[in-house]
Amino acid sequence: MNCAGRHTPDDPATASEPGPLCERCVSHLRSDILELAKAEPWLRQCMVRYPQWDTNRVAGTREPPAPLKVSLLDHAMAIDDLIRRVHRTIAPNVRPRAVPSTLATAEMIVKAMNSLRRHPEVMEMWRQVRDAKQQAHTLAPWRRPFIRLPVPCQECGLLTLALFSGDSWVTCRNDECAEIAIPYYRYDKWLKTLLQQHGLPAGEPREMAAK
């Protein structure tokens, strides 16, 4: 059986009969789970309005805004619930003596990744994690440095490829390609093809492809 994860069409790991996630997908899933868990305290930190910073007022009134951004609190609680549901799904018999934090629960999931990667609902759980992470970033953005790359995505055809700080793979920033993670060697091949199509030597500096 092949990896159940979503890959680019020419990737040999594309699933014809879904099976356990491959090592590359496991790495991405692990990163998504931990990043989502870290977003929970970040949302709680951002949900408090500081009067000296927030000059917004309710339209038509002199009343100051509510002291808490309720949408951030709601989503922080939803993240905590999601992380705990994933852990209960893959480790139903584990009963911690004390209630662990969201991040500690996520770390327990990571330790049980071998069970998660084989679970029949792993792709649905991963989708929920990715959706929750995206919503958290929409509510309270955190910046992660990235480099825009000058080659169209081979899946959607848009100029939305980026190399994020700390990653060894290329990511498409188009929402419809959110689960696409392209190995850097494949991006290199695409870039060389693009250079050749424009009559540029493959050894030219990569900045030339953006011109």
N, C-alpha and C. Protein backbone atom coordinates (compact mmCIF):
# COMPACT_ATOMS: atom_id res chain seq x y z
N MET A 1 0.85 -1.20 0.00
CA MET A 1 0.00 0.00 0.00
C MET A 1 0.88 1.24 0.00
N ASN A 2 0.36 2.33 -0.61
CA ASN A 2 1.09 3.57 -0.68
C ASN A 2 0.62 4.54 0.39
N CYS A 3 1.38 5.64 0.52
CA CYS A 3 1.07 6.67 1.50
C CYS A 3 -0.31 7.26 1.24
N ALA A 4 -1.08 7.48 2.33
CA ALA A 4 -2.43 8.04 2.20
C ALA A 4 -2.39 9.55 2.03
N GLY A 5 -1.21 10.16 2.21
CA GLY A 5 -1.09 11.60 2.10
C GLY A 5 -1.23 12.08 0.68
N ARG A 6 -1.49 13.37 0.54
CA ARG A 6 -1.63 13.97 -0.78
C ARG A 6 -0.27 14.42 -1.27
N HIS A 7 0.10 13.98 -2.47
CA HIS A 7 1.39 14.33 -3.06
C HIS A 7 1.17 14.89 -4.45
N THR A 8 2.23 15.41 -5.04
CA THR A 8 2.13 15.88 -6.41
C THR A 8 1.91 14.70 -7.33
N PRO A 9 1.28 14.91 -8.51
CA PRO A 9 0.88 13.79 -9.37
C PRO A 9 2.02 12.86 -9.78
N ASP A 10 3.24 13.39 -9.93
CA ASP A 10 4.33 12.54 -10.39
C ASP A 10 5.09 11.89 -9.25
N ASP A 11 4.56 12.06 -8.03
CA ASP A 11 5.24 11.50 -6.87
C ASP A 11 4.90 10.01 -6.74
N PRO A 12 5.91 9.14 -6.64
CA PRO A 12 5.62 7.70 -6.53
C PRO A 12 4.88 7.33 -5.27
N ALA A 13 4.85 8.24 -4.29
CA ALA A 13 4.14 7.93 -3.05
C ALA A 13 2.65 8.19 -3.14
N THR A 14 2.15 8.71 -4.25
CA THR A 14 0.72 8.95 -4.40
C THR A 14 -0.05 7.65 -4.17
N ALA A 15 -1.12 7.75 -3.39
CA ALA A 15 -1.83 6.54 -2.97
C ALA A 15 -2.78 6.02 -4.04
N SER A 16 -2.64 4.77 -4.40
CA SER A 16 -3.67 4.09 -5.18
C SER A 16 -4.52 3.27 -4.22
N GLU A 17 -3.88 2.75 -3.21
CA GLU A 17 -4.57 2.07 -2.09
C GLU A 17 -3.99 2.66 -0.81
N PRO A 18 -4.71 3.58 -0.15
CA PRO A 18 -4.14 4.30 0.98
C PRO A 18 -3.60 3.38 2.07
N GLY A 19 -2.46 3.74 2.61
CA GLY A 19 -1.86 2.99 3.70
C GLY A 19 -1.27 3.97 4.70
N PRO A 20 -0.34 3.54 5.56
CA PRO A 20 0.28 4.43 6.54
C PRO A 20 0.96 5.61 5.85
N LEU A 21 1.00 6.74 6.55
CA LEU A 21 1.68 7.91 6.01
C LEU A 21 3.17 7.64 5.85
N CYS A 22 3.74 8.21 4.79
CA CYS A 22 5.19 8.08 4.58
C CYS A 22 5.92 8.98 5.56
N GLU A 23 7.25 8.84 5.63
CA GLU A 23 8.05 9.61 6.59
C GLU A 23 7.93 11.10 6.34
N ARG A 24 7.85 11.49 5.08
CA ARG A 24 7.73 12.92 4.76
C ARG A 24 6.43 13.48 5.30
N CYS A 25 5.32 12.76 5.07
CA CYS A 25 4.02 13.23 5.57
C CYS A 25 3.99 13.22 7.11
N VAL A 26 4.59 12.21 7.71
CA VAL A 26 4.65 12.14 9.18
C VAL A 26 5.36 13.37 9.73
N SER A 27 6.44 13.78 9.06
CA SER A 27 7.18 14.96 9.49
C SER A 27 6.31 16.21 9.41
N HIS A 28 5.54 16.35 8.31
CA HIS A 28 4.67 17.51 8.17
C HIS A 28 3.54 17.47 9.20
N LEU A 29 2.95 16.30 9.42
CA LEU A 29 1.86 16.17 10.38
C LEU A 29 2.35 16.49 11.78
N ARG A 30 3.51 15.98 12.13
CA ARG A 30 4.09 16.27 13.45
C ARG A 30 4.28 17.77 13.63
N SER A 31 4.81 18.44 12.60
CA SER A 31 5.02 19.88 12.66
C SER A 31 3.70 20.63 12.80
N ASP A 32 2.67 20.20 12.07
CA ASP A 32 1.37 20.87 12.14
C ASP A 32 0.74 20.73 13.52
N ILE A 33 0.84 19.54 14.11
CA ILE A 33 0.25 19.31 15.44
C ILE A 33 0.92 20.18 16.49
N LEU A 34 2.24 20.22 16.47
CA LEU A 34 2.96 21.02 17.47
C LEU A 34 2.73 22.51 17.26
N GLU A 35 2.68 22.94 16.00
CA GLU A 35 2.45 24.36 15.72
C GLU A 35 1.05 24.76 16.15
N LEU A 36 0.07 23.88 15.93
CA LEU A 36 -1.29 24.18 16.37
C LEU A 36 -1.35 24.28 17.88
N ALA A 37 -0.70 23.35 18.57
CA ALA A 37 -0.71 23.37 20.04
C ALA A 37 -0.07 24.65 20.58
N LYS A 38 0.97 25.14 19.93
CA LYS A 38 1.61 26.38 20.36
C LYS A 38 0.75 27.60 20.06
N ALA A 39 -0.17 27.45 19.10
CA ALA A 39 -1.07 28.57 18.78
C ALA A 39 -2.10 28.79 19.89
N GLU A 40 -2.39 27.75 20.67
CA GLU A 40 -3.41 27.87 21.72
C GLU A 40 -3.02 28.92 22.77
N PRO A 41 -1.84 28.86 23.39
CA PRO A 41 -1.48 29.92 24.34
C PRO A 41 -1.27 31.27 23.65
N TRP A 42 -0.86 31.25 22.37
CA TRP A 42 -0.69 32.51 21.63
C TRP A 42 -2.03 33.23 21.49
N LEU A 43 -3.09 32.49 21.18
CA LEU A 43 -4.41 33.10 21.07
C LEU A 43 -4.87 33.66 22.41
N ARG A 44 -4.60 32.93 23.48
CA ARG A 44 -5.00 33.41 24.81
C ARG A 44 -4.23 34.68 25.17
N GLN A 45 -2.98 34.74 24.74
CA GLN A 45 -2.17 35.93 25.01
C GLN A 45 -2.71 37.13 24.23
N CYS A 46 -3.17 36.88 23.00
CA CYS A 46 -3.64 37.97 22.13
C CYS A 46 -5.08 38.38 22.40
N MET A 47 -5.81 37.60 23.20
CA MET A 47 -7.25 37.87 23.31
C MET A 47 -7.55 39.06 24.22
N VAL A 48 -6.58 39.50 25.04
CA VAL A 48 -6.81 40.61 25.97
C VAL A 48 -6.61 41.93 25.23
N ARG A 49 -7.59 42.80 25.30
CA ARG A 49 -7.47 44.13 24.70
C ARG A 49 -6.83 45.07 25.72
N TYR A 50 -5.83 45.80 25.28
CA TYR A 50 -5.20 46.79 26.15
C TYR A 50 -5.73 48.18 25.76
N PRO A 51 -6.43 48.86 26.67
CA PRO A 51 -7.08 50.13 26.31
C PRO A 51 -6.12 51.14 25.69
N GLN A 52 -4.88 51.19 26.19
CA GLN A 52 -3.95 52.19 25.67
C GLN A 52 -3.51 51.87 24.25
N TRP A 53 -3.72 50.62 23.80
CA TRP A 53 -3.35 50.24 22.44
C TRP A 53 -4.56 50.22 21.51
N ASP A 54 -5.72 49.88 22.05
CA ASP A 54 -6.92 49.67 21.23
C ASP A 54 -7.79 50.91 21.30
N THR A 55 -7.87 51.68 20.22
CA THR A 55 -8.66 52.91 20.20
C THR A 55 -10.02 52.70 19.55
N ASN A 56 -10.33 51.45 19.18
CA ASN A 56 -11.63 51.18 18.54
C ASN A 56 -12.77 51.35 19.53
N ARG A 57 -13.87 51.82 19.04
CA ARG A 57 -15.07 51.96 19.85
C ARG A 57 -16.24 51.34 19.10
N VAL A 58 -17.25 50.92 19.86
CA VAL A 58 -18.45 50.37 19.23
C VAL A 58 -19.12 51.50 18.45
N ALA A 59 -19.45 51.24 17.18
CA ALA A 59 -20.02 52.27 16.32
C ALA A 59 -21.26 52.90 16.95
N GLY A 60 -21.30 54.24 16.98
CA GLY A 60 -22.48 54.95 17.48
C GLY A 60 -22.53 55.07 18.98
N THR A 61 -21.51 54.60 19.70
CA THR A 61 -21.51 54.70 21.16
C THR A 61 -20.16 55.21 21.63
N ARG A 62 -20.11 55.56 22.90
CA ARG A 62 -18.85 55.96 23.52
C ARG A 62 -18.25 54.83 24.33
N GLU A 63 -18.92 53.70 24.26
CA GLU A 63 -18.47 52.56 25.05
C GLU A 63 -17.18 51.97 24.47
N PRO A 64 -16.22 51.62 25.33
CA PRO A 64 -15.00 50.95 24.84
C PRO A 64 -15.33 49.53 24.42
N PRO A 65 -14.48 48.91 23.63
CA PRO A 65 -14.72 47.53 23.22
C PRO A 65 -14.62 46.58 24.40
N ALA A 66 -15.16 45.38 24.23
CA ALA A 66 -15.07 44.37 25.28
C ALA A 66 -13.61 44.10 25.62
N PRO A 67 -13.31 43.84 26.91
CA PRO A 67 -11.91 43.65 27.30
C PRO A 67 -11.27 42.38 26.72
N LEU A 68 -12.10 41.44 26.25
CA LEU A 68 -11.58 40.21 25.68
C LEU A 68 -12.08 40.03 24.25
N LYS A 69 -11.20 39.52 23.39
CA LYS A 69 -11.60 39.16 22.03
C LYS A 69 -12.14 37.74 22.10
N VAL A 70 -13.44 37.63 22.19
CA VAL A 70 -14.08 36.34 22.46
C VAL A 70 -13.78 35.32 21.37
N SER A 71 -13.67 35.76 20.12
CA SER A 71 -13.40 34.82 19.03
C SER A 71 -12.08 34.10 19.22
N LEU A 72 -11.08 34.81 19.78
CA LEU A 72 -9.78 34.18 20.02
C LEU A 72 -9.87 33.16 21.16
N LEU A 73 -10.61 33.52 22.21
CA LEU A 73 -10.80 32.58 23.32
C LEU A 73 -11.54 31.34 22.84
N ASP A 74 -12.59 31.53 22.04
CA ASP A 74 -13.37 30.39 21.52
C ASP A 74 -12.47 29.45 20.71
N HIS A 75 -11.63 30.03 19.86
CA HIS A 75 -10.80 29.17 19.01
C HIS A 75 -9.68 28.51 19.82
N ALA A 76 -9.17 29.19 20.83
CA ALA A 76 -8.16 28.57 21.70
C ALA A 76 -8.76 27.33 22.38
N MET A 77 -10.00 27.45 22.84
CA MET A 77 -10.67 26.32 23.47
C MET A 77 -10.95 25.22 22.45
N ALA A 78 -11.28 25.60 21.22
CA ALA A 78 -11.52 24.60 20.16
C ALA A 78 -10.24 23.85 19.82
N ILE A 79 -9.11 24.55 19.81
CA ILE A 79 -7.82 23.90 19.55
C ILE A 79 -7.52 22.88 20.65
N ASP A 80 -7.70 23.30 21.90
CA ASP A 80 -7.46 22.40 23.02
C ASP A 80 -8.34 21.14 22.90
N ASP A 81 -9.60 21.35 22.54
CA ASP A 81 -10.52 20.22 22.39
C ASP A 81 -10.08 19.29 21.26
N LEU A 82 -9.66 19.87 20.14
CA LEU A 82 -9.24 19.06 19.00
C LEU A 82 -8.00 18.23 19.33
N ILE A 83 -7.02 18.85 19.94
CA ILE A 83 -5.78 18.13 20.30
C ILE A 83 -6.10 16.97 21.24
N ARG A 84 -6.98 17.20 22.21
CA ARG A 84 -7.32 16.13 23.16
C ARG A 84 -8.14 15.02 22.49
N ARG A 85 -9.00 15.40 21.53
CA ARG A 85 -9.78 14.37 20.82
C ARG A 85 -8.87 13.48 19.98
N VAL A 86 -7.88 14.09 19.33
CA VAL A 86 -6.94 13.29 18.54
C VAL A 86 -6.19 12.33 19.46
N HIS A 87 -5.76 12.81 20.62
CA HIS A 87 -5.03 11.93 21.55
C HIS A 87 -5.93 10.79 22.04
N ARG A 88 -7.19 11.11 22.38
CA ARG A 88 -8.10 10.05 22.84
C ARG A 88 -8.36 9.03 21.75
N THR A 89 -8.38 9.49 20.50
CA THR A 89 -8.64 8.59 19.37
C THR A 89 -7.53 7.56 19.19
N ILE A 90 -6.28 8.00 19.33
CA ILE A 90 -5.16 7.08 19.08
C ILE A 90 -4.66 6.39 20.35
N ALA A 91 -5.04 6.93 21.51
CA ALA A 91 -4.59 6.32 22.78
C ALA A 91 -5.75 6.32 23.77
N PRO A 92 -6.83 5.57 23.48
CA PRO A 92 -8.04 5.62 24.31
C PRO A 92 -7.83 5.10 25.73
N ASN A 93 -6.80 4.30 25.94
CA ASN A 93 -6.60 3.71 27.27
C ASN A 93 -5.62 4.50 28.13
N VAL A 94 -5.07 5.58 27.59
CA VAL A 94 -4.12 6.39 28.36
C VAL A 94 -4.90 7.39 29.20
N ARG A 95 -4.69 7.36 30.50
CA ARG A 95 -5.37 8.27 31.42
C ARG A 95 -4.32 8.97 32.30
N PRO A 96 -3.86 10.17 31.90
CA PRO A 96 -2.87 10.89 32.71
C PRO A 96 -3.40 11.18 34.10
N ARG A 97 -2.51 11.17 35.09
CA ARG A 97 -2.94 11.44 36.46
C ARG A 97 -3.42 12.88 36.60
N ALA A 98 -2.77 13.79 35.93
CA ALA A 98 -3.18 15.20 35.95
C ALA A 98 -3.55 15.61 34.53
N VAL A 99 -4.37 16.64 34.41
CA VAL A 99 -4.76 17.13 33.09
C VAL A 99 -3.58 17.88 32.48
N PRO A 100 -3.01 17.37 31.40
CA PRO A 100 -1.85 18.03 30.81
C PRO A 100 -2.26 19.26 30.01
N SER A 101 -1.29 20.13 29.74
CA SER A 101 -1.55 21.30 28.91
C SER A 101 -1.81 20.85 27.47
N THR A 102 -2.26 21.79 26.65
CA THR A 102 -2.49 21.49 25.24
C THR A 102 -1.20 21.03 24.57
N LEU A 103 -0.11 21.74 24.85
CA LEU A 103 1.17 21.39 24.24
C LEU A 103 1.66 20.03 24.73
N ALA A 104 1.50 19.76 26.03
CA ALA A 104 1.92 18.46 26.57
C ALA A 104 1.11 17.33 25.93
N THR A 105 -0.18 17.58 25.67
CA THR A 105 -1.01 16.57 25.01
C THR A 105 -0.53 16.35 23.58
N ALA A 106 -0.18 17.45 22.89
CA ALA A 106 0.34 17.34 21.53
C ALA A 106 1.64 16.54 21.50
N GLU A 107 2.47 16.74 22.50
CA GLU A 107 3.74 16.00 22.58
C GLU A 107 3.48 14.51 22.81
N MET A 108 2.40 14.18 23.53
CA MET A 108 2.03 12.77 23.70
C MET A 108 1.56 12.18 22.38
N ILE A 109 0.87 13.00 21.57
CA ILE A 109 0.45 12.53 20.25
C ILE A 109 1.67 12.25 19.39
N VAL A 110 2.64 13.14 19.44
CA VAL A 110 3.86 12.97 18.65
C VAL A 110 4.58 11.67 19.04
N LYS A 111 4.58 11.37 20.33
CA LYS A 111 5.23 10.14 20.79
C LYS A 111 4.47 8.90 20.30
N ALA A 112 3.18 9.07 20.05
CA ALA A 112 2.36 7.95 19.55
C ALA A 112 2.12 8.07 18.05
N MET A 113 3.01 8.76 17.35
CA MET A 113 2.83 9.03 15.93
C MET A 113 2.71 7.75 15.11
N ASN A 114 3.34 6.68 15.57
CA ASN A 114 3.27 5.42 14.84
C ASN A 114 1.84 4.89 14.78
N SER A 115 1.06 5.17 15.83
CA SER A 115 -0.36 4.77 15.83
C SER A 115 -1.18 5.71 14.97
N LEU A 116 -0.87 7.01 15.05
CA LEU A 116 -1.64 7.99 14.29
C LEU A 116 -1.45 7.80 12.79
N ARG A 117 -0.24 7.53 12.36
CA ARG A 117 0.03 7.43 10.91
C ARG A 117 -0.71 6.25 10.28
N ARG A 118 -1.10 5.26 11.11
CA ARG A 118 -1.80 4.08 10.60
C ARG A 118 -3.31 4.14 10.84
N HIS A 119 -3.78 5.18 11.51
CA HIS A 119 -5.20 5.26 11.84
C HIS A 119 -6.01 5.52 10.58
N PRO A 120 -7.16 4.84 10.40
CA PRO A 120 -7.95 5.03 9.16
C PRO A 120 -8.47 6.45 8.98
N GLU A 121 -8.56 7.23 10.06
CA GLU A 121 -9.07 8.60 9.97
C GLU A 121 -7.95 9.63 10.02
N VAL A 122 -6.72 9.21 9.77
CA VAL A 122 -5.59 10.14 9.94
C VAL A 122 -5.71 11.35 9.02
N MET A 123 -6.16 11.17 7.77
CA MET A 123 -6.24 12.30 6.85
C MET A 123 -7.31 13.30 7.28
N GLU A 124 -8.42 12.81 7.82
CA GLU A 124 -9.47 13.72 8.32
C GLU A 124 -8.97 14.49 9.54
N MET A 125 -8.25 13.79 10.43
CA MET A 125 -7.70 14.48 11.60
C MET A 125 -6.68 15.52 11.17
N TRP A 126 -5.86 15.16 10.17
CA TRP A 126 -4.85 16.10 9.68
C TRP A 126 -5.53 17.33 9.07
N ARG A 127 -6.62 17.10 8.32
CA ARG A 127 -7.34 18.22 7.71
C ARG A 127 -7.87 19.16 8.79
N GLN A 128 -8.42 18.60 9.87
CA GLN A 128 -8.93 19.43 10.96
C GLN A 128 -7.82 20.23 11.62
N VAL A 129 -6.66 19.59 11.78
CA VAL A 129 -5.51 20.29 12.38
C VAL A 129 -5.08 21.45 11.48
N ARG A 130 -4.97 21.19 10.18
CA ARG A 130 -4.55 22.24 9.25
C ARG A 130 -5.57 23.39 9.22
N ASP A 131 -6.87 23.05 9.19
CA ASP A 131 -7.91 24.08 9.17
C ASP A 131 -7.86 24.93 10.44
N ALA A 132 -7.68 24.26 11.59
CA ALA A 132 -7.64 24.98 12.86
C ALA A 132 -6.42 25.89 12.93
N LYS A 133 -5.31 25.41 12.40
CA LYS A 133 -4.08 26.22 12.40
C LYS A 133 -4.25 27.45 11.51
N GLN A 134 -4.87 27.25 10.34
CA GLN A 134 -5.09 28.36 9.42
C GLN A 134 -6.02 29.40 10.04
N GLN A 135 -7.08 28.93 10.72
CA GLN A 135 -8.01 29.87 11.35
C GLN A 135 -7.33 30.63 12.48
N ALA A 136 -6.47 29.94 13.24
CA ALA A 136 -5.74 30.61 14.32
C ALA A 136 -4.85 31.72 13.75
N HIS A 137 -4.19 31.42 12.64
CA HIS A 137 -3.32 32.41 12.03
C HIS A 137 -4.13 33.59 11.49
N THR A 138 -5.35 33.33 11.01
CA THR A 138 -6.22 34.40 10.52
C THR A 138 -6.65 35.31 11.67
N LEU A 139 -6.95 34.71 12.82
CA LEU A 139 -7.41 35.47 13.98
C LEU A 139 -6.29 36.27 14.63
N ALA A 140 -5.10 35.67 14.72
CA ALA A 140 -3.97 36.33 15.39
C ALA A 140 -2.69 35.92 14.66
N PRO A 141 -2.39 36.59 13.56
CA PRO A 141 -1.26 36.16 12.72
C PRO A 141 0.08 36.15 13.45
N TRP A 142 0.85 35.16 13.17
CA TRP A 142 2.25 35.14 13.60
C TRP A 142 3.08 35.02 12.32
N ARG A 143 4.18 35.70 12.28
CA ARG A 143 4.96 35.78 11.05
C ARG A 143 6.07 34.74 11.06
N ARG A 144 6.17 34.01 9.97
CA ARG A 144 7.24 33.06 9.77
C ARG A 144 7.95 33.43 8.47
N PRO A 145 9.23 33.78 8.54
CA PRO A 145 9.92 34.25 7.33
C PRO A 145 9.90 33.21 6.21
N PHE A 146 9.72 33.70 4.97
CA PHE A 146 9.77 32.79 3.83
C PHE A 146 10.28 33.54 2.61
N ILE A 147 10.75 32.79 1.63
CA ILE A 147 11.23 33.34 0.37
C ILE A 147 10.25 32.96 -0.72
N ARG A 148 9.76 33.94 -1.47
CA ARG A 148 8.91 33.63 -2.61
C ARG A 148 9.76 33.07 -3.74
N LEU A 149 9.29 32.00 -4.35
CA LEU A 149 10.06 31.34 -5.40
C LEU A 149 9.44 31.64 -6.77
N PRO A 150 10.28 31.78 -7.80
CA PRO A 150 9.81 32.28 -9.10
C PRO A 150 9.28 31.23 -10.06
N VAL A 151 8.92 30.05 -9.54
CA VAL A 151 8.45 28.96 -10.40
C VAL A 151 6.99 28.66 -10.09
N PRO A 152 6.14 28.51 -11.13
CA PRO A 152 4.72 28.18 -10.88
C PRO A 152 4.58 26.81 -10.22
N CYS A 153 3.58 26.69 -9.35
CA CYS A 153 3.27 25.39 -8.75
C CYS A 153 2.79 24.45 -9.85
N GLN A 154 3.31 23.24 -9.87
CA GLN A 154 2.93 22.28 -10.90
C GLN A 154 1.54 21.70 -10.67
N GLU A 155 0.97 21.95 -9.48
CA GLU A 155 -0.37 21.45 -9.18
C GLU A 155 -1.44 22.46 -9.59
N CYS A 156 -1.26 23.75 -9.20
CA CYS A 156 -2.30 24.75 -9.47
C CYS A 156 -1.89 25.76 -10.53
N GLY A 157 -0.60 25.80 -10.89
CA GLY A 157 -0.14 26.70 -11.94
C GLY A 157 0.09 28.13 -11.49
N LEU A 158 -0.07 28.42 -10.19
CA LEU A 158 0.08 29.78 -9.68
C LEU A 158 1.50 30.02 -9.15
N LEU A 159 1.89 31.29 -9.12
CA LEU A 159 3.20 31.66 -8.57
C LEU A 159 3.07 31.82 -7.06
N THR A 160 2.82 30.71 -6.39
CA THR A 160 2.57 30.74 -4.95
C THR A 160 3.53 29.84 -4.17
N LEU A 161 4.62 29.43 -4.79
CA LEU A 161 5.59 28.57 -4.10
C LEU A 161 6.47 29.40 -3.18
N ALA A 162 6.80 28.85 -2.02
CA ALA A 162 7.63 29.55 -1.06
C ALA A 162 8.48 28.55 -0.29
N LEU A 163 9.63 29.03 0.17
CA LEU A 163 10.50 28.24 1.04
C LEU A 163 10.48 28.92 2.41
N PHE A 164 9.83 28.26 3.38
CA PHE A 164 9.71 28.82 4.72
C PHE A 164 10.96 28.53 5.54
N SER A 165 11.28 29.46 6.41
CA SER A 165 12.45 29.32 7.27
C SER A 165 12.38 28.02 8.07
N GLY A 166 13.44 27.23 8.03
CA GLY A 166 13.51 25.98 8.77
C GLY A 166 13.03 24.77 8.02
N ASP A 167 12.38 24.97 6.85
CA ASP A 167 11.87 23.85 6.06
C ASP A 167 12.90 23.38 5.05
N SER A 168 12.86 22.10 4.74
CA SER A 168 13.72 21.54 3.69
C SER A 168 12.88 21.20 2.47
N TRP A 169 11.62 21.66 2.44
CA TRP A 169 10.73 21.40 1.32
C TRP A 169 10.08 22.72 0.90
N VAL A 170 9.50 22.73 -0.27
CA VAL A 170 8.83 23.90 -0.82
C VAL A 170 7.33 23.76 -0.58
N THR A 171 6.68 24.86 -0.19
CA THR A 171 5.25 24.86 0.11
C THR A 171 4.51 25.76 -0.86
N CYS A 172 3.33 25.31 -1.30
CA CYS A 172 2.46 26.16 -2.11
C CYS A 172 1.53 26.91 -1.17
N ARG A 173 1.49 28.25 -1.29
CA ARG A 173 0.68 29.08 -0.40
C ARG A 173 -0.75 29.25 -0.89
N ASN A 174 -1.08 28.61 -2.01
CA ASN A 174 -2.46 28.59 -2.47
C ASN A 174 -3.27 27.68 -1.55
N ASP A 175 -4.42 28.16 -1.05
CA ASP A 175 -5.22 27.37 -0.11
C ASP A 175 -5.59 26.01 -0.67
N GLU A 176 -5.83 25.93 -1.98
CA GLU A 176 -6.23 24.67 -2.59
C GLU A 176 -5.07 23.67 -2.64
N CYS A 177 -3.86 24.15 -2.43
CA CYS A 177 -2.68 23.28 -2.44
C CYS A 177 -2.02 23.24 -1.06
N ALA A 178 -2.80 23.52 -0.03
CA ALA A 178 -2.23 23.68 1.30
C ALA A 178 -1.52 22.43 1.80
N GLU A 179 -1.89 21.25 1.30
CA GLU A 179 -1.26 20.03 1.77
C GLU A 179 -0.14 19.56 0.85
N ILE A 180 0.19 20.37 -0.14
CA ILE A 180 1.26 20.00 -1.06
C ILE A 180 2.59 20.41 -0.47
N ALA A 181 3.49 19.48 -0.33
CA ALA A 181 4.86 19.75 0.14
C ALA A 181 5.80 19.14 -0.88
N ILE A 182 6.55 19.98 -1.56
CA ILE A 182 7.38 19.53 -2.67
C ILE A 182 8.83 19.42 -2.22
N PRO A 183 9.45 18.26 -2.37
CA PRO A 183 10.87 18.15 -2.03
C PRO A 183 11.68 19.18 -2.81
N TYR A 184 12.72 19.71 -2.19
CA TYR A 184 13.45 20.79 -2.83
C TYR A 184 14.11 20.35 -4.14
N TYR A 185 14.53 19.06 -4.22
CA TYR A 185 15.17 18.60 -5.45
C TYR A 185 14.20 18.69 -6.63
N ARG A 186 12.88 18.47 -6.35
CA ARG A 186 11.90 18.54 -7.43
C ARG A 186 11.70 19.99 -7.87
N TYR A 187 11.68 20.90 -6.90
CA TYR A 187 11.59 22.32 -7.25
C TYR A 187 12.78 22.72 -8.12
N ASP A 188 13.96 22.24 -7.77
CA ASP A 188 15.16 22.54 -8.55
C ASP A 188 14.99 22.09 -10.01
N LYS A 189 14.37 20.92 -10.18
CA LYS A 189 14.14 20.40 -11.53
C LYS A 189 13.17 21.29 -12.29
N TRP A 190 12.11 21.75 -11.62
CA TRP A 190 11.15 22.65 -12.25
C TRP A 190 11.83 23.95 -12.67
N LEU A 191 12.70 24.46 -11.78
CA LEU A 191 13.39 25.72 -12.07
C LEU A 191 14.29 25.58 -13.30
N LYS A 192 15.02 24.48 -13.38
CA LYS A 192 15.91 24.27 -14.52
C LYS A 192 15.10 24.19 -15.82
N THR A 193 13.93 23.53 -15.75
CA THR A 193 13.06 23.45 -16.93
C THR A 193 12.60 24.84 -17.35
N LEU A 194 12.21 25.67 -16.36
CA LEU A 194 11.75 27.02 -16.66
C LEU A 194 12.86 27.85 -17.30
N LEU A 195 14.07 27.72 -16.76
CA LEU A 195 15.20 28.46 -17.32
C LEU A 195 15.45 28.06 -18.77
N GLN A 196 15.39 26.76 -19.03
CA GLN A 196 15.62 26.28 -20.38
C GLN A 196 14.54 26.78 -21.35
N GLN A 197 13.29 26.85 -20.86
CA GLN A 197 12.19 27.34 -21.71
C GLN A 197 12.39 28.80 -22.10
N HIS A 198 13.10 29.56 -21.26
CA HIS A 198 13.35 30.96 -21.55
C HIS A 198 14.75 31.19 -22.13
N GLY A 199 15.39 30.08 -22.51
CA GLY A 199 16.68 30.19 -23.16
C GLY A 199 17.81 30.60 -22.24
N LEU A 200 17.64 30.35 -20.94
CA LEU A 200 18.68 30.70 -19.98
C LEU A 200 19.42 29.43 -19.56
N PRO A 201 20.73 29.54 -19.39
CA PRO A 201 21.49 28.38 -18.91
C PRO A 201 21.01 27.95 -17.53
N ALA A 202 20.96 26.65 -17.30
CA ALA A 202 20.48 26.14 -16.01
C ALA A 202 21.38 26.56 -14.87
N GLY A 203 22.61 26.92 -15.18
CA GLY A 203 23.55 27.31 -14.13
C GLY A 203 23.49 28.78 -13.78
N GLU A 204 22.62 29.57 -14.48
CA GLU A 204 22.51 30.99 -14.19
C GLU A 204 21.97 31.20 -12.77
N PRO A 205 22.26 32.37 -12.17
CA PRO A 205 21.69 32.66 -10.84
C PRO A 205 20.17 32.56 -10.88
N ARG A 206 19.58 32.03 -9.81
CA ARG A 206 18.15 31.77 -9.81
C ARG A 206 17.32 33.05 -9.91
N GLU A 207 17.88 34.18 -9.50
CA GLU A 207 17.13 35.43 -9.57
C GLU A 207 16.73 35.75 -11.00
N MET A 208 17.48 35.24 -11.98
CA MET A 208 17.18 35.55 -13.37
C MET A 208 15.83 34.98 -13.81
N ALA A 209 15.42 33.91 -13.15
CA ALA A 209 14.14 33.27 -13.52
C ALA A 209 12.96 34.16 -13.18
N ALA A 210 13.17 35.08 -12.25
CA ALA A 210 12.07 35.94 -11.83
C ALA A 210 11.90 37.13 -12.77
N LYS A 211 12.84 37.36 -13.67
CA LYS A 211 12.79 38.51 -14.56
C LYS A 211 11.84 38.24 -15.74
